[in-house]
Amino acid sequence: MEIRECSRIGGGNGLFATKYYKKGEVIHVLCGTILNYPTKYSIHIGNNQHIEDFYGISINHSFEPSVLICGKNVVAKNDIQCGDEITFDYNESEISMSAPFYTEYGEYICGKNDM
């Protein structure tokens, strides 16, 4: 996996596959600082557990994600080709977000608690 500029989000970074991953395959195990509160860069991994992982901080949100977060495992939701961006749906795993979604006009979009 590699972190590089993501044109889909207008210049920010994203995480991209450097090899093929089969659906259901664990493509990464999150490791790093575990906190008992969410941050802008953390991923929820369990009750009051949020991890800041080197690669995880670059996994962008998508409503059509390529991976699922299952505890500390990042699992391919479908086959991922070399060069594909690795994304997950923040609303599926994040119980509360430190930085919820807003439109470019500052309008609140959604968070898991809104669904």
PDB file of N, CA and C in Angstrom:
ATOM      1  N   MET A   1       0.851  -1.164   0.000  1.00  0.00           N
ATOM      2  CA  MET A   1       0.000   0.000   0.000  1.00  0.00           C
ATOM      3  C   MET A   1       0.896   1.225   0.000  1.00  0.00           C
ATOM      4  N   GLU A   2       0.355   2.280  -0.615  1.00  0.00           N
ATOM      5  CA  GLU A   2       1.105   3.533  -0.610  1.00  0.00           C
ATOM      6  C   GLU A   2       0.164   4.718  -0.431  1.00  0.00           C
ATOM      7  N   ILE A   3       0.686   5.728   0.236  1.00  0.00           N
ATOM      8  CA  ILE A   3      -0.040   6.970   0.433  1.00  0.00           C
ATOM      9  C   ILE A   3       0.387   7.908  -0.674  1.00  0.00           C
ATOM     10  N   ARG A   4      -0.603   8.473  -1.370  1.00  0.00           N
ATOM     11  CA  ARG A   4      -0.280   9.433  -2.430  1.00  0.00           C
ATOM     12  C   ARG A   4      -1.454  10.395  -2.611  1.00  0.00           C
ATOM     13  N   GLU A   5      -1.242  11.403  -3.431  1.00  0.00           N
ATOM     14  CA  GLU A   5      -2.281  12.386  -3.676  1.00  0.00           C
ATOM     15  C   GLU A   5      -3.494  11.726  -4.307  1.00  0.00           C
ATOM     16  N   CYS A   6      -4.655  12.155  -3.844  1.00  0.00           N
ATOM     17  CA  CYS A   6      -5.912  11.587  -4.314  1.00  0.00           C
ATOM     18  C   CYS A   6      -6.692  12.644  -5.077  1.00  0.00           C
ATOM     19  N   SER A   7      -6.798  12.493  -6.381  1.00  0.00           N
ATOM     20  CA  SER A   7      -7.516  13.475  -7.192  1.00  0.00           C
ATOM     21  C   SER A   7      -9.010  13.468  -6.900  1.00  0.00           C
ATOM     22  N   ARG A   8      -9.544  12.358  -6.399  1.00  0.00           N
ATOM     23  CA  ARG A   8     -10.970  12.237  -6.105  1.00  0.00           C
ATOM     24  C   ARG A   8     -11.416  13.236  -5.049  1.00  0.00           C
ATOM     25  N   ILE A   9     -10.541  13.567  -4.115  1.00  0.00           N
ATOM     26  CA  ILE A   9     -10.928  14.487  -3.049  1.00  0.00           C
ATOM     27  C   ILE A   9     -10.281  15.859  -3.214  1.00  0.00           C
ATOM     28  N   GLY A  10      -9.757  16.140  -4.376  1.00  0.00           N
ATOM     29  CA  GLY A  10      -9.248  17.476  -4.666  1.00  0.00           C
ATOM     30  C   GLY A  10      -7.912  17.804  -4.038  1.00  0.00           C
ATOM     31  N   GLY A  11      -6.988  16.884  -4.057  1.00  0.00           N
ATOM     32  CA  GLY A  11      -5.630  17.206  -3.646  1.00  0.00           C
ATOM     33  C   GLY A  11      -5.164  16.653  -2.322  1.00  0.00           C
ATOM     34  N   GLY A  12      -6.051  16.096  -1.508  1.00  0.00           N
ATOM     35  CA  GLY A  12      -5.601  15.484  -0.257  1.00  0.00           C
ATOM     36  C   GLY A  12      -4.983  14.125  -0.528  1.00  0.00           C
ATOM     37  N   ASN A  13      -4.465  13.499   0.507  1.00  0.00           N
ATOM     38  CA  ASN A  13      -3.860  12.179   0.364  1.00  0.00           C
ATOM     39  C   ASN A  13      -4.899  11.078   0.464  1.00  0.00           C
ATOM     40  N   GLY A  14      -4.545   9.945  -0.103  1.00  0.00           N
ATOM     41  CA  GLY A  14      -5.358   8.746  -0.004  1.00  0.00           C
ATOM     42  C   GLY A  14      -4.449   7.537   0.077  1.00  0.00           C
ATOM     43  N   LEU A  15      -5.009   6.390   0.387  1.00  0.00           N
ATOM     44  CA  LEU A  15      -4.256   5.147   0.448  1.00  0.00           C
ATOM     45  C   LEU A  15      -4.613   4.317  -0.779  1.00  0.00           C
ATOM     46  N   PHE A  16      -3.598   3.787  -1.448  1.00  0.00           N
ATOM     47  CA  PHE A  16      -3.795   3.048  -2.695  1.00  0.00           C
ATOM     48  C   PHE A  16      -3.109   1.691  -2.626  1.00  0.00           C
ATOM     49  N   ALA A  17      -3.756   0.709  -3.246  1.00  0.00           N
ATOM     50  CA  ALA A  17      -3.220  -0.654  -3.291  1.00  0.00           C
ATOM     51  C   ALA A  17      -2.030  -0.719  -4.238  1.00  0.00           C
ATOM     52  N   THR A  18      -1.012  -1.450  -3.828  1.00  0.00           N
ATOM     53  CA  THR A  18       0.157  -1.675  -4.688  1.00  0.00           C
ATOM     54  C   THR A  18       0.198  -3.116  -5.186  1.00  0.00           C
ATOM     55  N   LYS A  19      -0.861  -3.878  -4.853  1.00  0.00           N
ATOM     56  CA  LYS A  19      -1.001  -5.244  -5.350  1.00  0.00           C
ATOM     57  C   LYS A  19      -2.474  -5.607  -5.346  1.00  0.00           C
ATOM     58  N   TYR A  20      -2.799  -6.765  -5.871  1.00  0.00           N
ATOM     59  CA  TYR A  20      -4.173  -7.269  -5.920  1.00  0.00           C
ATOM     60  C   TYR A  20      -4.546  -7.875  -4.570  1.00  0.00           C
ATOM     61  N   TYR A  21      -5.766  -7.574  -4.102  1.00  0.00           N
ATOM     62  CA  TYR A  21      -6.324  -8.181  -2.895  1.00  0.00           C
ATOM     63  C   TYR A  21      -7.653  -8.828  -3.250  1.00  0.00           C
ATOM     64  N   LYS A  22      -7.862 -10.034  -2.762  1.00  0.00           N
ATOM     65  CA  LYS A  22      -9.094 -10.765  -3.016  1.00  0.00           C
ATOM     66  C   LYS A  22     -10.147 -10.407  -1.960  1.00  0.00           C
ATOM     67  N   LYS A  23     -11.417 -10.392  -2.374  1.00  0.00           N
ATOM     68  CA  LYS A  23     -12.538 -10.139  -1.463  1.00  0.00           C
ATOM     69  C   LYS A  23     -12.402 -11.017  -0.222  1.00  0.00           C
ATOM     70  N   GLY A  24     -12.566 -10.414   0.969  1.00  0.00           N
ATOM     71  CA  GLY A  24     -12.475 -11.143   2.223  1.00  0.00           C
ATOM     72  C   GLY A  24     -11.079 -11.215   2.816  1.00  0.00           C
ATOM     73  N   GLU A  25     -10.075 -10.812   2.054  1.00  0.00           N
ATOM     74  CA  GLU A  25      -8.696 -10.864   2.525  1.00  0.00           C
ATOM     75  C   GLU A  25      -8.412  -9.722   3.497  1.00  0.00           C
ATOM     76  N   VAL A  26      -7.685 -10.031   4.575  1.00  0.00           N
ATOM     77  CA  VAL A  26      -7.215  -8.985   5.482  1.00  0.00           C
ATOM     78  C   VAL A  26      -6.047  -8.313   4.774  1.00  0.00           C
ATOM     79  N   ILE A  27      -6.216  -7.037   4.447  1.00  0.00           N
ATOM     80  CA  ILE A  27      -5.172  -6.345   3.688  1.00  0.00           C
ATOM     81  C   ILE A  27      -4.233  -5.541   4.586  1.00  0.00           C
ATOM     82  N   HIS A  28      -4.663  -5.320   5.834  1.00  0.00           N
ATOM     83  CA  HIS A  28      -3.823  -4.565   6.771  1.00  0.00           C
ATOM     84  C   HIS A  28      -4.356  -4.790   8.174  1.00  0.00           C
ATOM     85  N   VAL A  29      -3.454  -4.830   9.135  1.00  0.00           N
ATOM     86  CA  VAL A  29      -3.828  -4.886  10.546  1.00  0.00           C
ATOM     87  C   VAL A  29      -3.431  -3.547  11.150  1.00  0.00           C
ATOM     88  N   LEU A  30      -4.425  -2.838  11.679  1.00  0.00           N
ATOM     89  CA  LEU A  30      -4.187  -1.519  12.251  1.00  0.00           C
ATOM     90  C   LEU A  30      -3.324  -1.639  13.503  1.00  0.00           C
ATOM     91  N   CYS A  31      -2.352  -0.764  13.610  1.00  0.00           N
ATOM     92  CA  CYS A  31      -1.529  -0.718  14.813  1.00  0.00           C
ATOM     93  C   CYS A  31      -1.136   0.739  15.057  1.00  0.00           C
ATOM     94  N   GLY A  32      -0.895   1.052  16.297  1.00  0.00           N
ATOM     95  CA  GLY A  32      -0.541   2.420  16.642  1.00  0.00           C
ATOM     96  C   GLY A  32      -1.121   2.792  17.981  1.00  0.00           C
ATOM     97  N   THR A  33      -1.183   4.071  18.222  1.00  0.00           N
ATOM     98  CA  THR A  33      -1.688   4.585  19.492  1.00  0.00           C
ATOM     99  C   THR A  33      -3.184   4.332  19.611  1.00  0.00           C
ATOM    100  N   ILE A  34      -3.599   3.737  20.727  1.00  0.00           N
ATOM    101  CA  ILE A  34      -5.014   3.504  20.991  1.00  0.00           C
ATOM    102  C   ILE A  34      -5.472   4.530  22.027  1.00  0.00           C
ATOM    103  N   LEU A  35      -6.530   5.237  21.691  1.00  0.00           N
ATOM    104  CA  LEU A  35      -7.088   6.276  22.546  1.00  0.00           C
ATOM    105  C   LEU A  35      -8.485   5.880  23.004  1.00  0.00           C
ATOM    106  N   ASN A  36      -8.986   6.511  24.061  1.00  0.00           N
ATOM    107  CA  ASN A  36     -10.349   6.219  24.508  1.00  0.00           C
ATOM    108  C   ASN A  36     -11.334   7.274  24.014  1.00  0.00           C
ATOM    109  N   TYR A  37     -10.934   8.040  23.004  1.00  0.00           N
ATOM    110  CA  TYR A  37     -11.784   9.065  22.391  1.00  0.00           C
ATOM    111  C   TYR A  37     -11.407   9.173  20.914  1.00  0.00           C
ATOM    112  N   PRO A  38     -12.344   9.611  20.083  1.00  0.00           N
ATOM    113  CA  PRO A  38     -12.032   9.741  18.650  1.00  0.00           C
ATOM    114  C   PRO A  38     -11.260  11.020  18.363  1.00  0.00           C
ATOM    115  N   THR A  39     -10.435  10.953  17.334  1.00  0.00           N
ATOM    116  CA  THR A  39      -9.769  12.137  16.795  1.00  0.00           C
ATOM    117  C   THR A  39     -10.097  12.202  15.309  1.00  0.00           C
ATOM    118  N   LYS A  40      -9.686  13.263  14.671  1.00  0.00           N
ATOM    119  CA  LYS A  40      -9.924  13.406  13.230  1.00  0.00           C
ATOM    120  C   LYS A  40      -9.278  12.270  12.448  1.00  0.00           C
ATOM    121  N   TYR A  41      -8.210  11.683  12.980  1.00  0.00           N
ATOM    122  CA  TYR A  41      -7.449  10.673  12.249  1.00  0.00           C
ATOM    123  C   TYR A  41      -7.584   9.255  12.806  1.00  0.00           C
ATOM    124  N   SER A  42      -8.392   9.068  13.835  1.00  0.00           N
ATOM    125  CA  SER A  42      -8.497   7.738  14.432  1.00  0.00           C
ATOM    126  C   SER A  42      -9.595   6.910  13.774  1.00  0.00           C
ATOM    127  N   ILE A  43      -9.502   5.592  13.994  1.00  0.00           N
ATOM    128  CA  ILE A  43     -10.504   4.645  13.514  1.00  0.00           C
ATOM    129  C   ILE A  43     -11.036   3.880  14.727  1.00  0.00           C
ATOM    130  N   HIS A  44     -12.355   3.792  14.839  1.00  0.00           N
ATOM    131  CA  HIS A  44     -12.989   3.088  15.949  1.00  0.00           C
ATOM    132  C   HIS A  44     -12.764   1.590  15.787  1.00  0.00           C
ATOM    133  N   ILE A  45     -12.210   0.949  16.845  1.00  0.00           N
ATOM    134  CA  ILE A  45     -11.929  -0.487  16.768  1.00  0.00           C
ATOM    135  C   ILE A  45     -12.619  -1.288  17.868  1.00  0.00           C
ATOM    136  N   GLY A  46     -13.322  -0.616  18.772  1.00  0.00           N
ATOM    137  CA  GLY A  46     -14.010  -1.313  19.860  1.00  0.00           C
ATOM    138  C   GLY A  46     -14.529  -0.305  20.863  1.00  0.00           C
ATOM    139  N   ASN A  47     -15.154  -0.809  21.928  1.00  0.00           N
ATOM    140  CA  ASN A  47     -15.716   0.067  22.951  1.00  0.00           C
ATOM    141  C   ASN A  47     -14.653   1.028  23.489  1.00  0.00           C
ATOM    142  N   ASN A  48     -14.893   2.322  23.279  1.00  0.00           N
ATOM    143  CA  ASN A  48     -13.970   3.363  23.721  1.00  0.00           C
ATOM    144  C   ASN A  48     -12.534   3.127  23.255  1.00  0.00           C
ATOM    145  N   GLN A  49     -12.374   2.520  22.081  1.00  0.00           N
ATOM    146  CA  GLN A  49     -11.040   2.295  21.516  1.00  0.00           C
ATOM    147  C   GLN A  49     -10.983   2.868  20.112  1.00  0.00           C
ATOM    148  N   HIS A  50     -10.060   3.777  19.920  1.00  0.00           N
ATOM    149  CA  HIS A  50      -9.850   4.453  18.645  1.00  0.00           C
ATOM    150  C   HIS A  50      -8.355   4.420  18.383  1.00  0.00           C
ATOM    151  N   ILE A  51      -7.969   3.960  17.195  1.00  0.00           N
ATOM    152  CA  ILE A  51      -6.555   3.778  16.882  1.00  0.00           C
ATOM    153  C   ILE A  51      -6.102   4.775  15.820  1.00  0.00           C
ATOM    154  N   GLU A  52      -4.916   5.299  16.004  1.00  0.00           N
ATOM    155  CA  GLU A  52      -4.290   6.164  14.996  1.00  0.00           C
ATOM    156  C   GLU A  52      -3.175   5.351  14.345  1.00  0.00           C
ATOM    157  N   ASP A  53      -3.452   4.869  13.154  1.00  0.00           N
ATOM    158  CA  ASP A  53      -2.556   3.986  12.411  1.00  0.00           C
ATOM    159  C   ASP A  53      -1.914   4.757  11.258  1.00  0.00           C
ATOM    160  N   PHE A  54      -0.652   4.494  10.968  1.00  0.00           N
ATOM    161  CA  PHE A  54       0.077   5.195   9.910  1.00  0.00           C
ATOM    162  C   PHE A  54      -0.671   5.160   8.580  1.00  0.00           C
ATOM    163  N   TYR A  55      -1.107   3.990   8.147  1.00  0.00           N
ATOM    164  CA  TYR A  55      -1.854   3.887   6.894  1.00  0.00           C
ATOM    165  C   TYR A  55      -3.312   4.286   7.075  1.00  0.00           C
ATOM    166  N   GLY A  56      -3.877   3.952   8.236  1.00  0.00           N
ATOM    167  CA  GLY A  56      -5.281   4.223   8.505  1.00  0.00           C
ATOM    168  C   GLY A  56      -5.661   5.686   8.393  1.00  0.00           C
ATOM    169  N   ILE A  57      -4.755   6.582   8.760  1.00  0.00           N
ATOM    170  CA  ILE A  57      -5.085   8.009   8.690  1.00  0.00           C
ATOM    171  C   ILE A  57      -5.274   8.496   7.263  1.00  0.00           C
ATOM    172  N   SER A  58      -4.844   7.688   6.296  1.00  0.00           N
ATOM    173  CA  SER A  58      -4.987   8.069   4.880  1.00  0.00           C
ATOM    174  C   SER A  58      -6.103   7.325   4.167  1.00  0.00           C
ATOM    175  N   ILE A  59      -6.856   6.485   4.895  1.00  0.00           N
ATOM    176  CA  ILE A  59      -7.984   5.792   4.267  1.00  0.00           C
ATOM    177  C   ILE A  59      -9.164   6.755   4.255  1.00  0.00           C
ATOM    178  N   ASN A  60      -9.552   7.173   3.076  1.00  0.00           N
ATOM    179  CA  ASN A  60     -10.649   8.121   2.918  1.00  0.00           C
ATOM    180  C   ASN A  60     -12.010   7.440   3.008  1.00  0.00           C
ATOM    181  N   HIS A  61     -13.025   8.266   3.242  1.00  0.00           N
ATOM    182  CA  HIS A  61     -14.408   7.814   3.284  1.00  0.00           C
ATOM    183  C   HIS A  61     -14.961   7.612   1.876  1.00  0.00           C
ATOM    184  N   SER A  62     -15.835   6.629   1.741  1.00  0.00           N
ATOM    185  CA  SER A  62     -16.626   6.453   0.533  1.00  0.00           C
ATOM    186  C   SER A  62     -17.931   5.773   0.934  1.00  0.00           C
ATOM    187  N   PHE A  63     -19.038   6.185   0.294  1.00  0.00           N
ATOM    188  CA  PHE A  63     -20.300   5.493   0.512  1.00  0.00           C
ATOM    189  C   PHE A  63     -20.320   4.176  -0.265  1.00  0.00           C
ATOM    190  N   GLU A  64     -19.328   3.940  -1.119  1.00  0.00           N
ATOM    191  CA  GLU A  64     -19.139   2.674  -1.826  1.00  0.00           C
ATOM    192  C   GLU A  64     -17.716   2.202  -1.538  1.00  0.00           C
ATOM    193  N   PRO A  65     -17.452   1.774  -0.290  1.00  0.00           N
ATOM    194  CA  PRO A  65     -16.088   1.477   0.141  1.00  0.00           C
ATOM    195  C   PRO A  65     -15.521   0.196  -0.441  1.00  0.00           C
ATOM    196  N   SER A  66     -14.195   0.125  -0.433  1.00  0.00           N
ATOM    197  CA  SER A  66     -13.513  -1.084  -0.900  1.00  0.00           C
ATOM    198  C   SER A  66     -13.128  -2.000   0.262  1.00  0.00           C
ATOM    199  N   VAL A  67     -13.147  -1.471   1.508  1.00  0.00           N
ATOM    200  CA  VAL A  67     -12.793  -2.280   2.667  1.00  0.00           C
ATOM    201  C   VAL A  67     -13.781  -2.063   3.806  1.00  0.00           C
ATOM    202  N   LEU A  68     -13.758  -3.005   4.743  1.00  0.00           N
ATOM    203  CA  LEU A  68     -14.503  -2.919   5.993  1.00  0.00           C
ATOM    204  C   LEU A  68     -13.489  -2.904   7.127  1.00  0.00           C
ATOM    205  N   ILE A  69     -13.834  -2.247   8.219  1.00  0.00           N
ATOM    206  CA  ILE A  69     -13.001  -2.287   9.412  1.00  0.00           C
ATOM    207  C   ILE A  69     -13.634  -3.292  10.363  1.00  0.00           C
ATOM    208  N   CYS A  70     -12.903  -4.350  10.689  1.00  0.00           N
ATOM    209  CA  CYS A  70     -13.384  -5.402  11.587  1.00  0.00           C
ATOM    210  C   CYS A  70     -12.402  -5.500  12.749  1.00  0.00           C
ATOM    211  N   GLY A  71     -12.684  -4.761  13.836  1.00  0.00           N
ATOM    212  CA  GLY A  71     -11.714  -4.660  14.922  1.00  0.00           C
ATOM    213  C   GLY A  71     -10.477  -3.941  14.388  1.00  0.00           C
ATOM    214  N   LYS A  72      -9.322  -4.590  14.498  1.00  0.00           N
ATOM    215  CA  LYS A  72      -8.082  -3.996  13.970  1.00  0.00           C
ATOM    216  C   LYS A  72      -7.808  -4.416  12.525  1.00  0.00           C
ATOM    217  N   ASN A  73      -8.644  -5.305  11.968  1.00  0.00           N
ATOM    218  CA  ASN A  73      -8.422  -5.794  10.605  1.00  0.00           C
ATOM    219  C   ASN A  73      -9.088  -4.909   9.567  1.00  0.00           C
ATOM    220  N   VAL A  74      -8.351  -4.621   8.511  1.00  0.00           N
ATOM    221  CA  VAL A  74      -8.892  -3.927   7.340  1.00  0.00           C
ATOM    222  C   VAL A  74      -9.102  -5.022   6.299  1.00  0.00           C
ATOM    223  N   VAL A  75     -10.375  -5.283   5.959  1.00  0.00           N
ATOM    224  CA  VAL A  75     -10.743  -6.434   5.136  1.00  0.00           C
ATOM    225  C   VAL A  75     -11.315  -5.971   3.791  1.00  0.00           C
ATOM    226  N   ALA A  76     -10.834  -6.565   2.714  1.00  0.00           N
ATOM    227  CA  ALA A  76     -11.327  -6.225   1.374  1.00  0.00           C
ATOM    228  C   ALA A  76     -12.808  -6.573   1.261  1.00  0.00           C
ATOM    229  N   LYS A  77     -13.625  -5.581   0.931  1.00  0.00           N
ATOM    230  CA  LYS A  77     -15.071  -5.784   0.761  1.00  0.00           C
ATOM    231  C   LYS A  77     -15.362  -6.384  -0.608  1.00  0.00           C
ATOM    232  N   ASN A  78     -14.477  -6.145  -1.536  1.00  0.00           N
ATOM    233  CA  ASN A  78     -14.553  -6.703  -2.882  1.00  0.00           C
ATOM    234  C   ASN A  78     -13.125  -6.863  -3.374  1.00  0.00           C
ATOM    235  N   ASP A  79     -12.941  -7.413  -4.545  1.00  0.00           N
ATOM    236  CA  ASP A  79     -11.591  -7.518  -5.094  1.00  0.00           C
ATOM    237  C   ASP A  79     -11.027  -6.117  -5.318  1.00  0.00           C
ATOM    238  N   ILE A  80      -9.778  -5.934  -4.936  1.00  0.00           N
ATOM    239  CA  ILE A  80      -9.112  -4.637  -5.075  1.00  0.00           C
ATOM    240  C   ILE A  80      -7.939  -4.823  -6.019  1.00  0.00           C
ATOM    241  N   GLN A  81      -7.927  -4.022  -7.054  1.00  0.00           N
ATOM    242  CA  GLN A  81      -6.864  -4.085  -8.060  1.00  0.00           C
ATOM    243  C   GLN A  81      -5.695  -3.181  -7.662  1.00  0.00           C
ATOM    244  N   CYS A  82      -4.525  -3.499  -8.146  1.00  0.00           N
ATOM    245  CA  CYS A  82      -3.355  -2.640  -7.944  1.00  0.00           C
ATOM    246  C   CYS A  82      -3.690  -1.246  -8.490  1.00  0.00           C
ATOM    247  N   GLY A  83      -3.471  -0.220  -7.679  1.00  0.00           N
ATOM    248  CA  GLY A  83      -3.772   1.144  -8.087  1.00  0.00           C
ATOM    249  C   GLY A  83      -5.106   1.668  -7.593  1.00  0.00           C
ATOM    250  N   ASP A  84      -6.000   0.776  -7.116  1.00  0.00           N
ATOM    251  CA  ASP A  84      -7.297   1.207  -6.581  1.00  0.00           C
ATOM    252  C   ASP A  84      -7.110   1.936  -5.258  1.00  0.00           C
ATOM    253  N   GLU A  85      -7.967   2.943  -5.024  1.00  0.00           N
ATOM    254  CA  GLU A  85      -7.946   3.612  -3.736  1.00  0.00           C
ATOM    255  C   GLU A  85      -8.638   2.721  -2.704  1.00  0.00           C
ATOM    256  N   ILE A  86      -8.071   2.682  -1.507  1.00  0.00           N
ATOM    257  CA  ILE A  86      -8.640   1.922  -0.400  1.00  0.00           C
ATOM    258  C   ILE A  86      -9.475   2.893   0.425  1.00  0.00           C
ATOM    259  N   THR A  87     -10.777   2.594   0.556  1.00  0.00           N
ATOM    260  CA  THR A  87     -11.702   3.473   1.264  1.00  0.00           C
ATOM    261  C   THR A  87     -12.602   2.652   2.179  1.00  0.00           C
ATOM    262  N   PHE A  88     -13.145   3.311   3.213  1.00  0.00           N
ATOM    263  CA  PHE A  88     -14.181   2.676   4.017  1.00  0.00           C
ATOM    264  C   PHE A  88     -15.264   3.699   4.319  1.00  0.00           C
ATOM    265  N   ASP A  89     -16.440   3.201   4.667  1.00  0.00           N
ATOM    266  CA  ASP A  89     -17.572   4.061   4.992  1.00  0.00           C
ATOM    267  C   ASP A  89     -17.475   4.415   6.466  1.00  0.00           C
ATOM    268  N   TYR A  90     -17.101   5.650   6.761  1.00  0.00           N
ATOM    269  CA  TYR A  90     -16.929   6.076   8.151  1.00  0.00           C
ATOM    270  C   TYR A  90     -18.202   5.840   8.961  1.00  0.00           C
ATOM    271  N   ASN A  91     -19.353   5.962   8.334  1.00  0.00           N
ATOM    272  CA  ASN A  91     -20.620   5.782   9.045  1.00  0.00           C
ATOM    273  C   ASN A  91     -20.851   4.338   9.476  1.00  0.00           C
ATOM    274  N   GLU A  92     -20.154   3.374   8.867  1.00  0.00           N
ATOM    275  CA  GLU A  92     -20.316   1.970   9.244  1.00  0.00           C
ATOM    276  C   GLU A  92     -19.522   1.621  10.490  1.00  0.00           C
ATOM    277  N   SER A  93     -18.409   2.313  10.739  1.00  0.00           N
ATOM    278  CA  SER A  93     -17.560   1.909  11.852  1.00  0.00           C
ATOM    279  C   SER A  93     -17.427   2.956  12.955  1.00  0.00           C
ATOM    280  N   GLU A  94     -17.620   4.205  12.640  1.00  0.00           N
ATOM    281  CA  GLU A  94     -17.412   5.261  13.624  1.00  0.00           C
ATOM    282  C   GLU A  94     -18.692   5.529  14.407  1.00  0.00           C
ATOM    283  N   ILE A  95     -18.658   5.339  15.715  1.00  0.00           N
ATOM    284  CA  ILE A  95     -19.824   5.581  16.557  1.00  0.00           C
ATOM    285  C   ILE A  95     -20.035   7.079  16.730  1.00  0.00           C
ATOM    286  N   SER A  96     -18.966   7.804  16.972  1.00  0.00           N
ATOM    287  CA  SER A  96     -19.035   9.264  17.008  1.00  0.00           C
ATOM    288  C   SER A  96     -17.793   9.793  16.329  1.00  0.00           C
ATOM    289  N   MET A  97     -17.978  10.810  15.523  1.00  0.00           N
ATOM    290  CA  MET A  97     -16.866  11.351  14.746  1.00  0.00           C
ATOM    291  C   MET A  97     -16.364  12.651  15.354  1.00  0.00           C
ATOM    292  N   SER A  98     -15.052  12.753  15.425  1.00  0.00           N
ATOM    293  CA  SER A  98     -14.432  13.989  15.872  1.00  0.00           C
ATOM    294  C   SER A  98     -14.649  15.085  14.844  1.00  0.00           C
ATOM    295  N   ALA A  99     -14.680  14.700  13.568  1.00  0.00           N
ATOM    296  CA  ALA A  99     -14.862  15.660  12.471  1.00  0.00           C
ATOM    297  C   ALA A  99     -15.953  15.137  11.539  1.00  0.00           C
ATOM    298  N   PRO A 100     -17.246  15.429  11.848  1.00  0.00           N
ATOM    299  CA  PRO A 100     -18.340  14.946  10.998  1.00  0.00           C
ATOM    300  C   PRO A 100     -18.295  15.538   9.594  1.00  0.00           C
ATOM    301  N   PHE A 101     -19.116  14.991   8.710  1.00  0.00           N
ATOM    302  CA  PHE A 101     -19.142  15.426   7.315  1.00  0.00           C
ATOM    303  C   PHE A 101     -19.878  16.741   7.139  1.00  0.00           C
ATOM    304  N   TYR A 102     -19.296  17.604   6.342  1.00  0.00           N
ATOM    305  CA  TYR A 102     -19.922  18.865   5.963  1.00  0.00           C
ATOM    306  C   TYR A 102     -19.767  19.050   4.462  1.00  0.00           C
ATOM    307  N   THR A 103     -20.706  19.739   3.854  1.00  0.00           N
ATOM    308  CA  THR A 103     -20.598  20.051   2.433  1.00  0.00           C
ATOM    309  C   THR A 103     -19.581  21.170   2.259  1.00  0.00           C
ATOM    310  N   GLU A 104     -19.253  21.461   1.035  1.00  0.00           N
ATOM    311  CA  GLU A 104     -18.330  22.563   0.760  1.00  0.00           C
ATOM    312  C   GLU A 104     -18.904  23.905   1.208  1.00  0.00           C
ATOM    313  N   TYR A 105     -20.212  23.945   1.495  1.00  0.00           N
ATOM    314  CA  TYR A 105     -20.868  25.177   1.950  1.00  0.00           C
ATOM    315  C   TYR A 105     -21.035  25.207   3.468  1.00  0.00           C
ATOM    316  N   GLY A 106     -20.469  24.223   4.172  1.00  0.00           N
ATOM    317  CA  GLY A 106     -20.546  24.182   5.611  1.00  0.00           C
ATOM    318  C   GLY A 106     -21.814  23.570   6.164  1.00  0.00           C
ATOM    319  N   GLU A 107     -22.618  22.914   5.315  1.00  0.00           N
ATOM    320  CA  GLU A 107     -23.854  22.282   5.776  1.00  0.00           C
ATOM    321  C   GLU A 107     -23.542  20.888   6.274  1.00  0.00           C
ATOM    322  N   TYR A 108     -24.080  20.524   7.442  1.00  0.00           N
ATOM    323  CA  TYR A 108     -23.879  19.205   8.034  1.00  0.00           C
ATOM    324  C   TYR A 108     -24.534  18.142   7.171  1.00  0.00           C
ATOM    325  N   ILE A 109     -23.793  17.078   6.861  1.00  0.00           N
ATOM    326  CA  ILE A 109     -24.346  16.006   6.023  1.00  0.00           C
ATOM    327  C   ILE A 109     -24.898  14.887   6.894  1.00  0.00           C
ATOM    328  N   CYS A 110     -24.030  14.143   7.561  1.00  0.00           N
ATOM    329  CA  CYS A 110     -24.527  13.037   8.358  1.00  0.00           C
ATOM    330  C   CYS A 110     -23.434  12.461   9.221  1.00  0.00           C
ATOM    331  N   GLY A 111     -23.862  11.731  10.191  1.00  0.00           N
ATOM    332  CA  GLY A 111     -23.004  10.929  11.051  1.00  0.00           C
ATOM    333  C   GLY A 111     -23.836   9.725  11.424  1.00  0.00           C
ATOM    334  N   LYS A 112     -23.218   8.696  11.964  1.00  0.00           N
ATOM    335  CA  LYS A 112     -23.934   7.453  12.265  1.00  0.00           C
ATOM    336  C   LYS A 112     -25.146   7.706  13.168  1.00  0.00           C
ATOM    337  N   ASN A 113     -25.023   8.635  14.108  1.00  0.00           N
ATOM    338  CA  ASN A 113     -26.126   8.891  15.029  1.00  0.00           C
ATOM    339  C   ASN A 113     -27.330   9.530  14.344  1.00  0.00           C
ATOM    340  N   ASP A 114     -27.163  10.016  13.123  1.00  0.00           N
ATOM    341  CA  ASP A 114     -28.265  10.658  12.394  1.00  0.00           C
ATOM    342  C   ASP A 114     -29.085   9.664  11.597  1.00  0.00           C
ATOM    343  N   MET A 115     -28.609   8.457  11.432  1.00  0.00           N
ATOM    344  CA  MET A 115     -29.269   7.500  10.549  1.00  0.00           C
ATOM    345  C   MET A 115     -30.365   6.763  11.257  1.00  0.00           C
TER     346      MET A 115
END
